[in-house]
Amino acid sequence: MRDTHRSIVSVIARQPARTITCAALAVAFAVTPVLSPISAYAVSAETQAELDSATAQVEESAAAYDEAVAKLEDLQAEIDENTAEIERLEQEIPEQQAAASAAMRDMYKYRQGSNPLVSVMVGSESMSDFITTCAYMDQIQSSNTEAIEELNEMQAELEQRKTELDAQKQQLEEEKQAAEDALAEAQALRAQAQAQAEAEAAAELAALANDTSAGEGSGVSGDNPYSSADQSGQTADTVVSDSVNWNMPRDEFINEWAGRIDAYLAGSPLAGYGRAFAEAAWNYGVDPRWSPAIACIESSKGRYCANTCNAWGWTAVGGGFRAFGSWNEGIDSHVSYLRSMYGTTLTPAAAQRYCPPTWQDWYNKVGGEMNRI
């Protein structure tokens, strides 16, 4: 196993500030002189520190933005509930007012009529009925009046609450905008660091233009009998094309890459697991094409696995190959492993560690498959 050529691009955040593109690689082949691996690593350390700092800033800003959006959504739900209650009261109050008005008119007729009490007494079977009827009429009027007053008070409270909620909403919208601005600023800083990293990655690949030697050891998959990266004496020269746009929302990112990966895996044992790859890629900030491409080279997309649900020729500690309880478990574990051990996308250094005996062939073939997704 050989670790002298260290990866230039080893950490890219969960939501990089700009599209990951390899256009810089093609340019660098023409204009970049061959650098020694040691020089490349010296630059990488500085760039890596910038990427780490920018990544942390973006993640903090993104968390603040997500929190502001969540608060705004919760507040809007409260505003909607308050508005619905006001509308209900606005419908109920006129009905209650009409009932109270009718009761008041009846009482007025009784009190202003020529002989209201006589009429009530004549209509009553006893003095007890007469008293009960009068008390009942007074109670109706009083009850209607109290109900109207209560509804009016409730409406006033709700209107006051509406004013307060509108003020809170304005404040939260300002906080959301501030968080969005901070996120954009952090993304711009990370874009600069990432552009530098891409240029250095091109230099790293150019520096290996004439290197056909094998690495030391067997690495992660060097002993996998099903790997198609078995040609020695090659040179690493594949440029990963296209791009990964991390600036889209999570659901949009996952839906897009799930579809693309599903199309790539169609007809294989891994068919239908595009969403699992896409979700893991988003969660760990890894190029969503990388793990599926490795699965193609190491197991023909899951057809010839080194062990149960191990499509990546992934060796186990102590010998043999790792096994997983399901494809979902294996996919998530592998993408997480790529992030922690190799960075976020294919590099010569990652190939040298993953498959040292034929790392150039592995690099070219994995890169080629990534270009197909």
Protein backbone atom coordinates (compact mmCIF):
# COMPACT_ATOMS: atom_id res chain seq x y z
CA MET A 1 0.00 0.00 0.00
CA ARG A 2 1.37 3.41 -0.89
CA ASP A 3 0.25 6.63 0.78
CA THR A 4 2.87 9.09 -0.51
CA HIS A 5 0.48 10.70 -3.01
CA ARG A 6 -2.00 12.22 -0.64
CA SER A 7 -5.42 13.27 -1.90
CA ILE A 8 -5.85 16.95 -2.57
CA VAL A 9 -9.60 17.00 -2.33
CA SER A 10 -10.41 15.03 0.81
CA VAL A 11 -13.18 17.01 2.44
CA ILE A 12 -16.05 18.72 0.69
CA ALA A 13 -19.00 19.72 2.86
CA ARG A 14 -22.48 18.23 2.91
CA GLN A 15 -23.60 21.22 0.81
CA PRO A 16 -20.58 22.51 -1.17
CA ALA A 17 -20.81 26.10 -2.26
CA ARG A 18 -20.53 25.40 -5.93
CA THR A 19 -20.75 22.67 -8.47
CA ILE A 20 -18.04 20.05 -8.26
CA THR A 21 -16.56 20.20 -11.73
CA CYS A 22 -13.53 18.69 -13.32
CA ALA A 23 -13.12 21.29 -16.03
CA ALA A 24 -10.12 22.55 -14.07
CA LEU A 25 -8.50 19.17 -14.52
CA ALA A 26 -8.55 19.36 -18.29
CA VAL A 27 -7.06 22.84 -18.23
CA ALA A 28 -4.37 21.86 -15.78
CA PHE A 29 -3.07 19.07 -18.00
CA ALA A 30 -2.11 21.66 -20.57
CA VAL A 31 -0.74 24.39 -18.31
CA THR A 32 0.43 22.75 -15.10
CA PRO A 33 4.01 21.52 -14.84
CA VAL A 34 4.63 18.14 -13.31
CA LEU A 35 4.89 18.52 -9.56
CA SER A 36 6.37 16.13 -7.11
CA PRO A 37 3.97 14.31 -4.77
CA ILE A 38 5.58 16.04 -1.80
CA SER A 39 5.00 19.50 -3.29
CA ALA A 40 1.41 18.59 -4.09
CA TYR A 41 0.83 17.49 -0.53
CA ALA A 42 2.36 20.67 0.87
CA VAL A 43 -0.17 22.73 -1.09
CA SER A 44 -2.90 20.28 -0.15
CA ALA A 45 -2.40 20.81 3.55
CA GLU A 46 -2.99 24.53 3.19
CA THR A 47 -5.96 24.09 0.92
CA GLN A 48 -7.37 21.40 3.18
CA ALA A 49 -7.30 23.79 6.11
CA GLU A 50 -9.20 26.35 4.07
CA LEU A 51 -11.74 23.74 3.02
CA ASP A 52 -12.18 22.56 6.60
CA SER A 53 -12.74 26.10 7.84
CA ALA A 54 -15.12 26.95 5.01
CA THR A 55 -16.97 23.67 5.47
CA ALA A 56 -17.51 24.31 9.17
CA GLN A 57 -18.73 27.83 8.42
CA VAL A 58 -21.14 26.61 5.77
CA GLU A 59 -22.50 23.87 8.03
CA GLU A 60 -23.04 26.34 10.88
CA SER A 61 -24.72 28.82 8.55
CA ALA A 62 -26.84 26.11 6.99
CA ALA A 63 -27.94 24.93 10.45
CA ALA A 64 -28.87 28.49 11.40
CA TYR A 65 -30.80 28.90 8.17
CA ASP A 66 -32.65 25.61 8.64
CA GLU A 67 -33.54 26.62 12.19
CA ALA A 68 -34.88 29.98 11.01
CA VAL A 69 -36.97 28.28 8.33
CA ALA A 70 -38.35 25.79 10.86
CA LYS A 71 -39.28 28.57 13.28
CA LEU A 72 -40.96 30.49 10.49
CA GLU A 73 -42.96 27.43 9.47
CA ASP A 74 -44.09 26.82 13.06
CA LEU A 75 -45.08 30.46 13.44
CA GLN A 76 -47.00 30.39 10.19
CA ALA A 77 -48.94 27.37 11.44
CA GLU A 78 -49.83 29.33 14.59
CA ILE A 79 -50.84 32.35 12.48
CA ASP A 80 -53.05 30.14 10.32
CA GLU A 81 -54.72 28.68 13.40
CA ASN A 82 -55.27 32.12 14.89
CA THR A 83 -56.70 33.40 11.60
CA ALA A 84 -59.08 30.46 11.38
CA GLU A 85 -60.31 31.14 14.91
CA ILE A 86 -60.92 34.80 14.08
CA GLU A 87 -62.91 33.77 11.01
CA ARG A 88 -64.97 31.35 13.11
CA LEU A 89 -65.79 34.07 15.62
CA GLU A 90 -66.67 36.50 12.85
CA GLN A 91 -69.27 34.00 11.71
CA GLU A 92 -70.52 33.17 15.21
CA ILE A 93 -70.84 36.72 16.55
CA PRO A 94 -73.55 37.89 14.08
CA GLU A 95 -75.63 34.79 14.86
CA GLN A 96 -75.31 35.42 18.58
CA GLN A 97 -76.11 39.10 18.07
CA ALA A 98 -79.25 38.21 16.11
CA ALA A 99 -80.43 35.87 18.88
CA ALA A 100 -79.80 38.53 21.51
CA SER A 101 -81.60 41.15 19.46
CA ALA A 102 -84.66 38.92 19.11
CA ALA A 103 -84.73 38.32 22.86
CA MET A 104 -84.39 42.03 23.54
CA ARG A 105 -87.25 42.80 21.17
CA ASP A 106 -89.47 40.29 22.94
CA MET A 107 -88.64 41.78 26.31
CA TYR A 108 -89.30 45.24 24.96
CA LYS A 109 -92.74 44.18 23.70
CA TYR A 110 -93.64 42.70 27.03
CA ARG A 111 -92.51 45.78 28.92
CA GLN A 112 -94.03 48.32 26.53
CA GLY A 113 -97.32 46.51 25.86
CA SER A 114 -100.59 47.59 27.44
CA ASN A 115 -100.78 44.74 29.90
CA PRO A 116 -97.62 42.62 29.46
CA LEU A 117 -97.77 41.10 32.89
CA VAL A 118 -101.44 40.28 32.54
CA SER A 119 -100.71 38.52 29.28
CA VAL A 120 -97.98 36.48 30.89
CA MET A 121 -100.21 35.69 33.89
CA VAL A 122 -103.09 34.65 31.64
CA GLY A 123 -100.79 32.35 29.76
CA SER A 124 -99.41 30.83 32.97
CA GLU A 125 -101.06 28.00 34.84
CA SER A 126 -99.84 29.23 38.21
CA MET A 127 -97.94 32.01 39.92
CA SER A 128 -94.94 29.71 39.97
CA ASP A 129 -95.11 29.36 36.19
CA PHE A 130 -95.42 33.14 35.87
CA ILE A 131 -92.32 33.78 37.98
CA THR A 132 -90.39 31.06 36.13
CA THR A 133 -91.33 32.55 32.75
CA CYS A 134 -90.19 36.04 33.73
CA ALA A 135 -86.93 34.74 35.19
CA TYR A 136 -86.35 32.65 32.06
CA MET A 137 -86.82 35.65 29.79
CA ASP A 138 -84.41 37.73 31.85
CA GLN A 139 -81.95 34.86 31.85
CA ILE A 140 -82.11 34.58 28.04
CA GLN A 141 -81.40 38.27 27.63
CA SER A 142 -78.59 38.20 30.16
CA SER A 143 -77.09 35.05 28.66
CA ASN A 144 -77.16 36.47 25.15
CA THR A 145 -75.61 39.72 26.31
CA GLU A 146 -72.82 37.88 28.17
CA ALA A 147 -72.18 35.64 25.18
CA ILE A 148 -71.79 38.64 22.89
CA GLU A 149 -69.45 40.34 25.32
CA GLU A 150 -67.40 37.15 25.64
CA LEU A 151 -67.17 36.73 21.89
CA ASN A 152 -66.16 40.35 21.44
CA GLU A 153 -63.45 39.95 24.08
CA MET A 154 -62.19 36.79 22.41
CA GLN A 155 -62.10 38.51 19.05
CA ALA A 156 -60.19 41.45 20.52
CA GLU A 157 -57.67 39.06 22.08
CA LEU A 158 -57.26 37.20 18.80
CA GLU A 159 -56.81 40.43 16.88
CA GLN A 160 -54.14 41.47 19.39
CA ARG A 161 -52.50 38.07 19.02
CA LYS A 162 -52.59 38.46 15.26
CA THR A 163 -50.75 41.76 15.55
CA GLU A 164 -48.13 40.15 17.79
CA LEU A 165 -47.71 37.16 15.48
CA ASP A 166 -47.32 39.40 12.44
CA ALA A 167 -44.57 41.29 14.27
CA GLN A 168 -42.85 38.01 15.18
CA LYS A 169 -43.12 36.84 11.60
CA GLN A 170 -41.44 39.98 10.33
CA GLN A 171 -38.62 39.49 12.83
CA LEU A 172 -38.17 35.84 11.88
CA GLU A 173 -38.16 36.70 8.20
CA GLU A 174 -35.36 39.17 8.88
CA GLU A 175 -33.46 36.48 10.81
CA LYS A 176 -33.99 34.04 7.95
CA GLN A 177 -32.67 36.55 5.44
CA ALA A 178 -29.62 37.22 7.61
CA ALA A 179 -28.95 33.48 7.87
CA GLU A 180 -29.37 33.10 4.13
CA ASP A 181 -26.90 35.92 3.51
CA ALA A 182 -24.40 34.36 5.92
CA LEU A 183 -24.77 31.01 4.17
CA ALA A 184 -24.16 32.59 0.77
CA GLU A 185 -21.04 34.30 2.09
CA ALA A 186 -19.73 31.05 3.54
CA GLN A 187 -20.47 29.24 0.29
CA ALA A 188 -18.50 31.84 -1.63
CA LEU A 189 -15.49 31.29 0.62
CA ARG A 190 -15.76 27.56 0.19
CA ALA A 191 -16.08 28.01 -3.58
CA GLN A 192 -12.70 29.73 -3.63
CA ALA A 193 -11.08 26.96 -1.60
CA GLN A 194 -12.72 24.30 -3.70
CA ALA A 195 -11.55 25.91 -6.96
CA GLN A 196 -8.01 25.83 -5.61
CA ALA A 197 -8.47 22.20 -4.61
CA GLU A 198 -9.61 21.29 -8.11
CA ALA A 199 -6.56 22.91 -9.63
CA GLU A 200 -4.35 21.00 -7.21
CA ALA A 201 -6.18 17.77 -8.01
CA ALA A 202 -5.35 18.35 -11.66
CA ALA A 203 -1.71 18.85 -10.74
CA GLU A 204 -1.77 15.67 -8.69
CA LEU A 205 -3.13 13.65 -11.59
CA ALA A 206 -0.68 15.26 -14.01
CA ALA A 207 2.21 14.40 -11.69
CA LEU A 208 1.30 10.72 -12.03
CA ALA A 209 1.12 10.78 -15.83
CA ASN A 210 4.05 8.38 -16.25
CA ASP A 211 3.56 6.31 -13.10
CA THR A 212 2.76 2.71 -14.00
CA SER A 213 4.09 1.11 -10.85
CA ALA A 214 1.90 -0.87 -8.49
CA GLY A 215 1.25 0.18 -4.95
CA GLU A 216 2.19 -1.82 -1.90
CA GLY A 217 -0.18 -4.29 -0.28
CA SER A 218 -3.65 -5.34 -1.38
CA GLY A 219 -5.68 -2.48 0.05
CA VAL A 220 -9.44 -2.68 0.45
CA SER A 221 -10.20 -4.73 -2.63
CA GLY A 222 -6.92 -5.89 -4.11
CA ASP A 223 -7.74 -9.52 -3.25
CA ASN A 224 -11.27 -9.39 -4.61
CA PRO A 225 -11.46 -12.10 -7.33
CA TYR A 226 -14.48 -10.40 -8.92
CA SER A 227 -12.84 -7.01 -9.48
CA SER A 228 -12.55 -6.02 -13.15
CA ALA A 229 -9.70 -3.60 -12.37
CA ASP A 230 -7.04 -6.25 -12.94
CA GLN A 231 -4.79 -4.71 -15.55
CA SER A 232 -1.29 -3.71 -14.45
CA GLY A 233 1.08 -1.30 -16.15
CA GLN A 234 -1.61 1.31 -16.80
CA THR A 235 -1.45 5.07 -16.21
CA ALA A 236 -4.10 7.08 -14.39
CA ASP A 237 -5.53 9.51 -16.92
CA THR A 238 -9.33 9.55 -16.65
CA VAL A 239 -10.92 12.92 -15.96
CA VAL A 240 -14.29 12.65 -14.20
CA SER A 241 -16.64 14.80 -16.22
CA ASP A 242 -19.96 16.51 -15.52
CA SER A 243 -20.64 17.85 -12.08
CA VAL A 244 -22.46 17.43 -8.79
CA ASN A 245 -24.60 20.41 -7.85
CA TRP A 246 -24.83 20.57 -4.08
CA ASN A 247 -26.64 23.89 -4.00
CA MET A 248 -30.08 22.41 -4.61
CA PRO A 249 -32.44 21.49 -1.73
CA ARG A 250 -32.02 18.07 -0.13
CA ASP A 251 -35.15 16.49 -1.61
CA GLU A 252 -34.37 17.83 -5.08
CA PHE A 253 -30.79 16.53 -4.85
CA ILE A 254 -31.91 13.08 -3.72
CA ASN A 255 -34.66 12.81 -6.33
CA GLU A 256 -32.33 13.77 -9.16
CA TRP A 257 -29.53 11.41 -8.20
CA ALA A 258 -31.85 8.57 -7.21
CA GLY A 259 -33.24 8.63 -10.74
CA ARG A 260 -29.83 8.78 -12.39
CA ILE A 261 -28.40 5.99 -10.26
CA ASP A 262 -31.49 3.81 -10.72
CA ALA A 263 -31.10 4.19 -14.48
CA TYR A 264 -27.45 3.18 -14.18
CA LEU A 265 -28.22 0.14 -11.99
CA ALA A 266 -31.24 -1.04 -13.98
CA GLY A 267 -31.32 -4.80 -14.46
CA SER A 268 -28.76 -5.49 -11.73
CA PRO A 269 -29.20 -6.82 -8.18
CA LEU A 270 -28.79 -3.22 -7.00
CA ALA A 271 -31.64 -1.97 -9.17
CA GLY A 272 -34.02 0.27 -7.23
CA TYR A 273 -31.47 1.31 -4.63
CA GLY A 274 -30.70 4.65 -6.23
CA ARG A 275 -32.40 6.52 -3.39
CA ALA A 276 -30.29 4.71 -0.79
CA PHE A 277 -27.12 5.78 -2.63
CA ALA A 278 -28.40 9.35 -3.07
CA GLU A 279 -29.46 9.75 0.57
CA ALA A 280 -26.14 8.42 1.82
CA ALA A 281 -24.29 10.72 -0.59
CA TRP A 282 -26.20 13.73 0.74
CA ASN A 283 -25.76 12.72 4.38
CA TYR A 284 -21.99 12.26 4.09
CA GLY A 285 -21.17 14.81 1.39
CA VAL A 286 -19.82 12.20 -1.02
CA ASP A 287 -20.06 12.28 -4.81
CA PRO A 288 -23.24 10.21 -5.40
CA ARG A 289 -21.65 8.45 -8.38
CA TRP A 290 -18.63 7.11 -6.54
CA SER A 291 -20.01 4.17 -4.56
CA PRO A 292 -22.24 2.86 -7.41
CA ALA A 293 -19.27 3.06 -9.78
CA ILE A 294 -17.09 1.07 -7.38
CA ALA A 295 -19.88 -1.50 -7.09
CA CYS A 296 -19.77 -1.89 -10.86
CA ILE A 297 -16.01 -2.49 -10.95
CA GLU A 298 -15.87 -4.73 -7.88
CA SER A 299 -18.97 -6.88 -8.37
CA SER A 300 -20.65 -6.04 -11.69
CA LYS A 301 -23.26 -3.99 -9.79
CA GLY A 302 -23.88 -6.63 -7.14
CA ARG A 303 -23.93 -9.72 -9.37
CA TYR A 304 -20.72 -11.27 -8.02
CA CYS A 305 -20.27 -10.15 -4.44
CA ALA A 306 -17.29 -11.03 -2.27
CA ASN A 307 -19.75 -11.54 0.61
CA THR A 308 -23.40 -10.92 1.47
CA CYS A 309 -24.56 -7.50 0.21
CA ASN A 310 -20.93 -6.48 -0.27
CA ALA A 311 -20.77 -5.09 -3.80
CA TRP A 312 -17.53 -3.19 -3.20
CA GLY A 313 -14.98 -5.95 -2.56
CA TRP A 314 -14.64 -4.54 0.92
CA THR A 315 -12.29 -6.60 3.06
CA ALA A 316 -12.94 -7.25 6.73
CA VAL A 317 -10.54 -6.60 9.57
CA GLY A 318 -8.66 -9.83 10.25
CA GLY A 319 -9.22 -11.26 6.78
CA GLY A 320 -12.03 -12.18 4.45
CA PHE A 321 -14.69 -9.78 3.23
CA ARG A 322 -17.32 -7.78 5.06
CA ALA A 323 -20.94 -8.87 5.04
CA PHE A 324 -24.09 -6.79 5.55
CA GLY A 325 -27.63 -7.60 6.55
CA SER A 326 -29.15 -5.66 3.65
CA TRP A 327 -28.26 -3.56 0.65
CA ASN A 328 -29.37 -0.44 2.52
CA GLU A 329 -26.98 -1.22 5.36
CA GLY A 330 -24.13 -1.94 2.98
CA ILE A 331 -24.70 1.20 0.90
CA ASP A 332 -24.82 3.53 3.88
CA SER A 333 -21.77 1.91 5.47
CA HIS A 334 -19.73 2.09 2.28
CA VAL A 335 -20.50 5.73 1.50
CA SER A 336 -19.72 6.68 5.10
CA TYR A 337 -16.47 4.73 4.85
CA LEU A 338 -15.48 6.52 1.66
CA ARG A 339 -15.98 9.88 3.34
CA SER A 340 -14.02 9.03 6.46
CA MET A 341 -11.14 7.21 4.76
CA TYR A 342 -10.82 8.57 1.22
CA GLY A 343 -12.55 11.93 0.99
CA THR A 344 -15.54 12.87 -1.07
CA THR A 345 -14.73 11.83 -4.61
CA LEU A 346 -12.37 9.76 -6.72
CA THR A 347 -8.67 10.71 -6.57
CA PRO A 348 -5.45 8.89 -7.47
CA ALA A 349 -4.58 8.68 -3.79
CA ALA A 350 -7.91 7.00 -3.07
CA ALA A 351 -7.26 4.48 -5.85
CA GLN A 352 -3.77 3.78 -4.51
CA ARG A 353 -5.22 2.85 -1.16
CA TYR A 354 -8.36 1.05 -2.35
CA CYS A 355 -6.67 -1.20 -4.93
CA PRO A 356 -2.86 -0.80 -4.77
CA PRO A 357 -1.87 -3.67 -7.12
CA THR A 358 -3.65 -2.13 -10.13
CA TRP A 359 -4.64 1.27 -8.83
CA GLN A 360 -4.28 3.05 -12.19
CA ASP A 361 -6.68 0.61 -13.85
CA TRP A 362 -9.03 0.90 -10.88
CA TYR A 363 -8.90 4.70 -11.04
CA ASN A 364 -9.61 4.81 -14.77
CA LYS A 365 -12.42 2.29 -14.68
CA VAL A 366 -14.16 3.75 -11.64
CA GLY A 367 -13.84 7.22 -13.15
CA GLY A 368 -15.22 5.94 -16.42
CA GLU A 369 -18.25 4.47 -14.70
CA MET A 370 -18.81 7.69 -12.78
CA ASN A 371 -18.97 9.49 -16.12
CA ARG A 372 -21.75 7.10 -17.18
CA ILE A 373 -24.07 7.93 -14.27
